């Protein structure tokens, strides 16, 4: 099935610093974070609030990013943006493990979704943050 989706799973249960996995698919490509992502719930909440309010302007974007793409560290990017003047939107998913690792891996692809579906994704994250014991699975179309 060619459906775009993103899943979030909380792996380690520490109240202050969460270890999460992000998995994404656009129906043709599927990838997941290679190394654990450490983040605070507040950081995820800020990203979710950006998604709920997306888009405010034609240049607006909602961004969750860990690591520096120019460094030797692992990197993850989930970014919602408008890709044309008609308001068509997409989510960019990029993940890379340590580039100097023996078997380094990376992926980058796009999930196309209506802005209203991206807003619902943000709302789903906000709800999930209160009960992250089950993975969140968002499907871009047909919610």
N, C-alpha and C. Protein backbone atom coordinates (compact mmCIF):
# COMPACT_ATOMS: atom_id res chain seq x y z
N UNK A 1 0.85 -1.18 0.00
CA UNK A 1 0.00 0.00 0.00
C UNK A 1 0.89 1.24 0.00
N UNK A 2 0.54 2.24 -0.76
CA UNK A 2 1.34 3.45 -0.88
C UNK A 2 0.82 4.55 0.03
N UNK A 3 0.86 4.33 1.32
CA UNK A 3 0.41 5.38 2.23
C UNK A 3 1.60 5.95 2.98
N UNK A 4 1.55 7.24 3.16
CA UNK A 4 2.58 7.94 3.91
C UNK A 4 2.23 7.90 5.38
N UNK A 5 3.24 7.65 6.21
CA UNK A 5 2.99 7.56 7.64
C UNK A 5 4.26 7.90 8.43
N UNK A 6 4.04 8.28 9.67
CA UNK A 6 5.13 8.52 10.61
C UNK A 6 4.72 7.88 11.93
N UNK A 7 5.67 7.19 12.56
CA UNK A 7 5.42 6.57 13.86
C UNK A 7 6.45 7.07 14.86
N UNK A 8 6.00 7.34 16.07
CA UNK A 8 6.87 7.74 17.17
C UNK A 8 6.74 6.70 18.27
N UNK A 9 7.85 6.26 18.81
CA UNK A 9 7.85 5.31 19.92
C UNK A 9 8.79 5.82 21.00
N UNK A 10 8.32 5.75 22.21
CA UNK A 10 9.17 6.11 23.35
C UNK A 10 9.82 4.82 23.83
N UNK A 11 11.15 4.81 23.86
CA UNK A 11 11.88 3.59 24.17
C UNK A 11 12.31 3.51 25.63
N UNK A 12 12.78 4.60 26.16
CA UNK A 12 13.32 4.62 27.51
C UNK A 12 12.47 5.54 28.37
N UNK A 13 12.08 5.07 29.53
CA UNK A 13 11.13 5.81 30.35
C UNK A 13 11.82 6.57 31.47
N UNK A 14 12.34 7.73 31.12
CA UNK A 14 12.88 8.70 32.04
C UNK A 14 12.02 9.94 31.87
N UNK A 15 11.57 10.52 32.94
CA UNK A 15 10.65 11.65 32.84
C UNK A 15 11.28 12.88 32.19
N UNK A 16 12.57 13.12 32.43
CA UNK A 16 13.22 14.34 31.94
C UNK A 16 13.77 14.22 30.53
N UNK A 17 14.40 13.11 30.23
CA UNK A 17 15.02 12.94 28.92
C UNK A 17 14.47 11.66 28.29
N UNK A 18 13.73 11.81 27.21
CA UNK A 18 13.12 10.66 26.56
C UNK A 18 14.04 10.12 25.47
N UNK A 19 14.04 8.82 25.33
CA UNK A 19 14.70 8.16 24.20
C UNK A 19 13.58 7.73 23.26
N UNK A 20 13.61 8.24 22.02
CA UNK A 20 12.53 7.92 21.09
C UNK A 20 13.08 7.38 19.77
N UNK A 21 12.20 6.71 19.05
CA UNK A 21 12.48 6.27 17.69
C UNK A 21 11.44 6.91 16.79
N UNK A 22 11.87 7.36 15.63
CA UNK A 22 10.95 7.91 14.63
C UNK A 22 11.11 7.06 13.38
N UNK A 23 9.98 6.58 12.86
CA UNK A 23 9.95 5.77 11.64
C UNK A 23 9.01 6.48 10.67
N UNK A 24 9.43 6.56 9.40
CA UNK A 24 8.61 7.23 8.39
C UNK A 24 8.59 6.42 7.11
N UNK A 25 7.50 6.59 6.36
CA UNK A 25 7.37 5.94 5.07
C UNK A 25 6.55 6.83 4.15
N UNK A 26 6.93 6.88 2.88
CA UNK A 26 6.11 7.58 1.91
C UNK A 26 5.45 6.59 0.94
N UNK A 27 5.47 5.31 1.29
CA UNK A 27 4.88 4.28 0.45
C UNK A 27 5.90 3.62 -0.45
N UNK A 28 6.94 4.33 -0.80
CA UNK A 28 8.01 3.78 -1.62
C UNK A 28 9.29 3.57 -0.81
N UNK A 29 9.54 4.47 0.13
CA UNK A 29 10.72 4.40 0.98
C UNK A 29 10.28 4.38 2.43
N UNK A 30 11.02 3.63 3.23
CA UNK A 30 10.78 3.57 4.67
C UNK A 30 12.12 3.66 5.37
N UNK A 31 12.17 4.44 6.44
CA UNK A 31 13.39 4.57 7.22
C UNK A 31 13.04 4.85 8.67
N UNK A 32 13.99 4.58 9.53
CA UNK A 32 13.83 4.87 10.95
C UNK A 32 15.13 5.48 11.45
N UNK A 33 15.05 6.12 12.58
CA UNK A 33 16.24 6.66 13.19
C UNK A 33 17.19 5.51 13.51
N UNK A 34 18.46 5.73 13.30
CA UNK A 34 19.45 4.68 13.45
C UNK A 34 19.96 4.59 14.88
N UNK A 35 20.22 5.72 15.46
CA UNK A 35 20.69 5.80 16.84
C UNK A 35 19.56 6.37 17.67
N UNK A 36 19.56 6.12 18.97
CA UNK A 36 18.51 6.69 19.81
C UNK A 36 18.49 8.21 19.71
N UNK A 37 17.31 8.77 19.75
CA UNK A 37 17.14 10.22 19.79
C UNK A 37 16.77 10.57 21.22
N UNK A 38 17.52 11.45 21.81
CA UNK A 38 17.23 11.91 23.15
C UNK A 38 16.64 13.31 23.06
N UNK A 39 15.50 13.48 23.68
CA UNK A 39 14.81 14.76 23.64
C UNK A 39 13.97 14.93 24.89
N UNK A 40 13.53 16.13 25.13
CA UNK A 40 12.62 16.40 26.24
C UNK A 40 11.19 16.49 25.68
N UNK A 41 10.21 16.14 26.48
CA UNK A 41 8.83 16.25 26.03
C UNK A 41 8.47 17.67 25.58
N UNK A 42 9.07 18.68 26.22
CA UNK A 42 8.80 20.06 25.86
C UNK A 42 9.24 20.37 24.42
N UNK A 43 10.33 19.75 24.01
CA UNK A 43 10.82 19.95 22.65
C UNK A 43 9.85 19.35 21.63
N UNK A 44 9.35 18.17 21.94
CA UNK A 44 8.34 17.56 21.07
C UNK A 44 7.05 18.37 21.07
N UNK A 45 6.69 18.93 22.23
CA UNK A 45 5.47 19.74 22.32
C UNK A 45 5.61 21.00 21.46
N UNK A 46 6.78 21.63 21.46
CA UNK A 46 6.99 22.81 20.62
C UNK A 46 6.83 22.46 19.13
N UNK A 47 7.39 21.33 18.73
CA UNK A 47 7.25 20.87 17.35
C UNK A 47 5.77 20.60 17.03
N UNK A 48 5.09 19.94 17.93
CA UNK A 48 3.67 19.63 17.72
C UNK A 48 2.84 20.91 17.60
N UNK A 49 3.14 21.90 18.41
CA UNK A 49 2.41 23.18 18.34
C UNK A 49 2.67 23.88 17.01
N UNK A 50 3.90 23.77 16.50
CA UNK A 50 4.21 24.33 15.18
C UNK A 50 3.39 23.62 14.10
N UNK A 51 3.26 22.30 14.22
CA UNK A 51 2.47 21.53 13.25
C UNK A 51 0.99 21.92 13.30
N UNK A 52 0.46 22.10 14.50
CA UNK A 52 -0.95 22.47 14.66
C UNK A 52 -1.22 23.81 14.01
N UNK A 53 -0.29 24.76 14.11
CA UNK A 53 -0.48 26.11 13.57
C UNK A 53 -0.01 26.25 12.12
N UNK A 54 0.52 25.20 11.53
CA UNK A 54 1.09 25.23 10.18
C UNK A 54 0.00 25.33 9.12
N UNK A 55 0.17 26.11 8.05
CA UNK A 55 1.19 27.12 7.81
C UNK A 55 0.66 28.51 8.16
N UNK A 56 1.50 29.32 8.70
CA UNK A 56 1.13 30.71 9.00
C UNK A 56 1.38 31.60 7.79
N UNK A 57 2.45 31.30 7.05
CA UNK A 57 2.80 32.05 5.84
C UNK A 57 3.30 31.06 4.80
N UNK A 58 3.54 31.53 3.59
CA UNK A 58 4.04 30.67 2.52
C UNK A 58 5.43 30.12 2.83
N UNK A 59 6.21 30.83 3.66
CA UNK A 59 7.56 30.39 4.01
C UNK A 59 7.63 29.68 5.35
N UNK A 60 6.48 29.45 5.98
CA UNK A 60 6.43 28.81 7.29
C UNK A 60 6.89 27.36 7.20
N UNK A 61 7.51 26.90 8.27
CA UNK A 61 7.84 25.49 8.38
C UNK A 61 7.79 25.09 9.85
N UNK A 62 7.51 23.82 10.07
CA UNK A 62 7.58 23.23 11.41
C UNK A 62 8.76 22.28 11.37
N UNK A 63 9.63 22.35 12.37
CA UNK A 63 10.89 21.61 12.29
C UNK A 63 11.23 20.95 13.62
N UNK A 64 11.54 19.65 13.55
CA UNK A 64 12.14 18.92 14.66
C UNK A 64 13.47 18.40 14.15
N UNK A 65 14.55 18.82 14.81
CA UNK A 65 15.88 18.43 14.33
C UNK A 65 16.78 18.14 15.53
N UNK A 66 17.50 17.06 15.43
CA UNK A 66 18.49 16.68 16.43
C UNK A 66 19.79 16.40 15.70
N UNK A 67 20.88 16.92 16.21
CA UNK A 67 22.18 16.75 15.57
C UNK A 67 22.40 17.81 14.51
N UNK A 68 23.64 17.91 14.08
CA UNK A 68 24.04 18.89 13.08
C UNK A 68 24.36 18.15 11.78
N UNK A 69 23.68 18.48 10.68
CA UNK A 69 23.94 17.75 9.43
C UNK A 69 25.37 17.91 8.90
N UNK A 70 26.07 18.94 9.34
CA UNK A 70 27.43 19.17 8.87
C UNK A 70 28.48 18.55 9.79
N UNK A 71 28.06 17.94 10.89
CA UNK A 71 29.01 17.40 11.85
C UNK A 71 29.20 15.90 11.66
N UNK A 72 29.97 15.33 12.53
CA UNK A 72 30.25 13.89 12.49
C UNK A 72 29.28 13.11 13.38
N UNK A 73 28.19 13.74 13.80
CA UNK A 73 27.23 13.08 14.67
C UNK A 73 26.02 12.59 13.88
N UNK A 74 25.22 11.80 14.55
CA UNK A 74 23.96 11.36 13.96
C UNK A 74 23.06 12.58 13.78
N UNK A 75 22.11 12.48 12.83
CA UNK A 75 21.24 13.61 12.52
C UNK A 75 19.85 13.10 12.16
N UNK A 76 18.83 13.81 12.63
CA UNK A 76 17.44 13.52 12.28
C UNK A 76 16.74 14.84 12.00
N UNK A 77 15.92 14.86 10.96
CA UNK A 77 15.14 16.04 10.62
C UNK A 77 13.74 15.58 10.20
N UNK A 78 12.73 16.19 10.80
CA UNK A 78 11.34 16.05 10.37
C UNK A 78 10.85 17.47 10.18
N UNK A 79 10.54 17.84 8.93
CA UNK A 79 10.22 19.24 8.62
C UNK A 79 9.00 19.32 7.72
N UNK A 80 7.97 20.02 8.18
CA UNK A 80 6.78 20.30 7.35
C UNK A 80 6.98 21.64 6.68
N UNK A 81 6.62 21.72 5.39
CA UNK A 81 6.82 22.95 4.64
C UNK A 81 5.86 22.99 3.46
N UNK A 82 5.67 24.19 2.91
CA UNK A 82 4.91 24.36 1.67
C UNK A 82 5.88 24.32 0.51
N UNK A 83 5.55 23.57 -0.53
CA UNK A 83 6.49 23.46 -1.64
C UNK A 83 6.06 24.20 -2.89
N UNK A 84 4.92 24.90 -2.84
CA UNK A 84 4.56 25.76 -3.96
C UNK A 84 3.64 26.88 -3.48
N UNK A 85 3.36 27.82 -4.35
CA UNK A 85 2.54 28.97 -4.00
C UNK A 85 1.06 28.64 -3.86
N UNK A 86 0.65 27.44 -4.23
CA UNK A 86 -0.75 27.03 -4.10
C UNK A 86 -1.06 26.42 -2.75
N UNK A 87 -0.07 26.31 -1.90
CA UNK A 87 -0.29 25.78 -0.56
C UNK A 87 -0.13 24.28 -0.43
N UNK A 88 0.45 23.62 -1.43
CA UNK A 88 0.70 22.19 -1.30
C UNK A 88 1.84 21.96 -0.30
N UNK A 89 1.67 20.97 0.54
CA UNK A 89 2.62 20.77 1.63
C UNK A 89 3.20 19.37 1.63
N UNK A 90 4.31 19.25 2.32
CA UNK A 90 5.01 17.97 2.45
C UNK A 90 5.76 17.94 3.77
N UNK A 91 6.17 16.75 4.14
CA UNK A 91 7.05 16.57 5.30
C UNK A 91 8.34 15.93 4.79
N UNK A 92 9.44 16.56 5.09
CA UNK A 92 10.75 16.02 4.76
C UNK A 92 11.21 15.16 5.92
N UNK A 93 11.68 13.96 5.63
CA UNK A 93 12.25 13.08 6.64
C UNK A 93 13.68 12.78 6.23
N UNK A 94 14.63 13.09 7.09
CA UNK A 94 16.04 12.81 6.83
C UNK A 94 16.65 12.21 8.09
N UNK A 95 17.39 11.13 7.92
CA UNK A 95 18.04 10.48 9.05
C UNK A 95 19.41 9.99 8.60
N UNK A 96 20.38 10.13 9.50
CA UNK A 96 21.73 9.67 9.22
C UNK A 96 22.36 9.21 10.52
N UNK A 97 23.00 8.05 10.47
CA UNK A 97 23.75 7.63 11.65
C UNK A 97 25.13 8.28 11.57
N UNK A 98 26.03 7.89 12.41
CA UNK A 98 27.36 8.49 12.42
C UNK A 98 28.04 8.25 11.07
N UNK A 99 28.41 9.32 10.33
CA UNK A 99 28.96 9.15 8.99
C UNK A 99 30.27 8.38 8.95
N UNK A 100 30.99 8.32 10.06
CA UNK A 100 32.25 7.58 10.09
C UNK A 100 32.08 6.15 10.58
N UNK A 101 30.85 5.74 10.81
CA UNK A 101 30.60 4.36 11.23
C UNK A 101 30.99 3.41 10.10
N UNK A 102 31.35 2.20 10.45
CA UNK A 102 31.80 1.23 9.45
C UNK A 102 30.77 1.02 8.35
N UNK A 103 29.51 0.93 8.73
CA UNK A 103 28.44 0.73 7.76
C UNK A 103 27.45 1.89 7.89
N UNK A 104 27.90 3.08 7.59
CA UNK A 104 27.09 4.29 7.72
C UNK A 104 25.86 4.21 6.82
N UNK A 105 24.77 4.79 7.29
CA UNK A 105 23.52 4.80 6.53
C UNK A 105 22.89 6.18 6.59
N UNK A 106 22.15 6.50 5.54
CA UNK A 106 21.39 7.74 5.54
C UNK A 106 20.19 7.60 4.62
N UNK A 107 19.20 8.43 4.87
CA UNK A 107 18.01 8.45 4.02
C UNK A 107 17.42 9.86 4.04
N UNK A 108 16.75 10.21 2.95
CA UNK A 108 16.04 11.48 2.84
C UNK A 108 14.93 11.28 1.81
N UNK A 109 13.71 11.58 2.22
CA UNK A 109 12.58 11.50 1.30
C UNK A 109 11.46 12.39 1.82
N UNK A 110 10.39 12.48 1.06
CA UNK A 110 9.29 13.40 1.36
C UNK A 110 7.98 12.66 1.41
N UNK A 111 7.13 13.08 2.34
CA UNK A 111 5.77 12.57 2.47
C UNK A 111 4.84 13.71 2.11
N UNK A 112 3.99 13.51 1.12
CA UNK A 112 3.06 14.55 0.72
C UNK A 112 1.79 14.44 1.55
N UNK A 113 1.34 15.58 2.07
CA UNK A 113 0.16 15.60 2.93
C UNK A 113 -0.49 16.97 2.87
N UNK A 114 -1.79 17.00 3.02
CA UNK A 114 -2.50 18.27 3.09
C UNK A 114 -2.17 18.95 4.41
N UNK A 115 -2.22 20.27 4.41
CA UNK A 115 -1.91 21.03 5.63
C UNK A 115 -2.82 20.61 6.78
N UNK A 116 -4.08 20.33 6.52
CA UNK A 116 -4.99 19.91 7.58
C UNK A 116 -4.55 18.59 8.20
N UNK A 117 -4.01 17.67 7.40
CA UNK A 117 -3.51 16.41 7.93
C UNK A 117 -2.27 16.65 8.79
N UNK A 118 -1.42 17.59 8.38
CA UNK A 118 -0.24 17.94 9.17
C UNK A 118 -0.68 18.56 10.50
N UNK A 119 -1.72 19.38 10.48
CA UNK A 119 -2.26 19.95 11.72
C UNK A 119 -2.74 18.84 12.66
N UNK A 120 -3.41 17.84 12.10
CA UNK A 120 -3.88 16.71 12.91
C UNK A 120 -2.71 15.90 13.48
N UNK A 121 -1.63 15.79 12.72
CA UNK A 121 -0.44 15.11 13.21
C UNK A 121 0.08 15.82 14.46
N UNK A 122 0.15 17.14 14.42
CA UNK A 122 0.57 17.90 15.59
C UNK A 122 -0.33 17.66 16.78
N UNK A 123 -1.64 17.63 16.55
CA UNK A 123 -2.58 17.37 17.64
C UNK A 123 -2.40 15.97 18.21
N UNK A 124 -2.14 15.01 17.33
CA UNK A 124 -1.90 13.63 17.79
C UNK A 124 -0.65 13.54 18.66
N UNK A 125 0.40 14.28 18.29
CA UNK A 125 1.62 14.30 19.11
C UNK A 125 1.33 14.88 20.49
N UNK A 126 0.58 15.99 20.53
CA UNK A 126 0.25 16.61 21.82
C UNK A 126 -0.53 15.65 22.71
N UNK A 127 -1.44 14.90 22.14
CA UNK A 127 -2.21 13.91 22.90
C UNK A 127 -1.28 12.77 23.36
N UNK A 128 -0.43 12.30 22.46
CA UNK A 128 0.48 11.20 22.75
C UNK A 128 1.45 11.55 23.88
N UNK A 129 1.86 12.79 23.97
CA UNK A 129 2.81 13.20 25.01
C UNK A 129 2.27 12.95 26.42
N UNK A 130 0.95 12.91 26.59
CA UNK A 130 0.34 12.65 27.90
C UNK A 130 0.28 11.16 28.21
N UNK A 131 0.39 10.31 27.19
CA UNK A 131 0.35 8.87 27.39
C UNK A 131 1.21 8.19 26.32
N UNK A 132 2.53 8.26 26.46
CA UNK A 132 3.43 7.76 25.40
C UNK A 132 3.77 6.28 25.52
N UNK A 133 2.99 5.52 26.27
CA UNK A 133 3.31 4.11 26.48
C UNK A 133 3.02 3.26 25.25
N UNK A 134 2.14 3.71 24.40
CA UNK A 134 1.87 3.04 23.13
C UNK A 134 2.42 3.91 22.01
N UNK A 135 2.96 3.30 20.95
CA UNK A 135 3.48 4.10 19.84
C UNK A 135 2.38 4.93 19.18
N UNK A 136 2.76 6.08 18.67
CA UNK A 136 1.87 6.91 17.88
C UNK A 136 2.09 6.54 16.41
N UNK A 137 1.02 6.28 15.70
CA UNK A 137 1.12 5.97 14.26
C UNK A 137 0.17 6.90 13.52
N UNK A 138 0.73 7.82 12.74
CA UNK A 138 -0.05 8.80 11.98
C UNK A 138 0.03 8.44 10.50
N UNK A 139 -1.12 8.42 9.85
CA UNK A 139 -1.20 8.17 8.42
C UNK A 139 -1.62 9.48 7.76
N UNK A 140 -0.86 9.92 6.76
CA UNK A 140 -1.07 11.23 6.16
C UNK A 140 -2.42 11.37 5.47
N UNK A 141 -2.91 10.33 4.86
CA UNK A 141 -4.17 10.39 4.13
C UNK A 141 -5.19 9.49 4.81
N UNK A 142 -6.44 9.86 4.71
CA UNK A 142 -7.52 9.00 5.18
C UNK A 142 -7.63 8.85 6.68
N UNK A 143 -7.25 9.88 7.42
CA UNK A 143 -7.41 9.80 8.88
C UNK A 143 -8.88 9.85 9.25
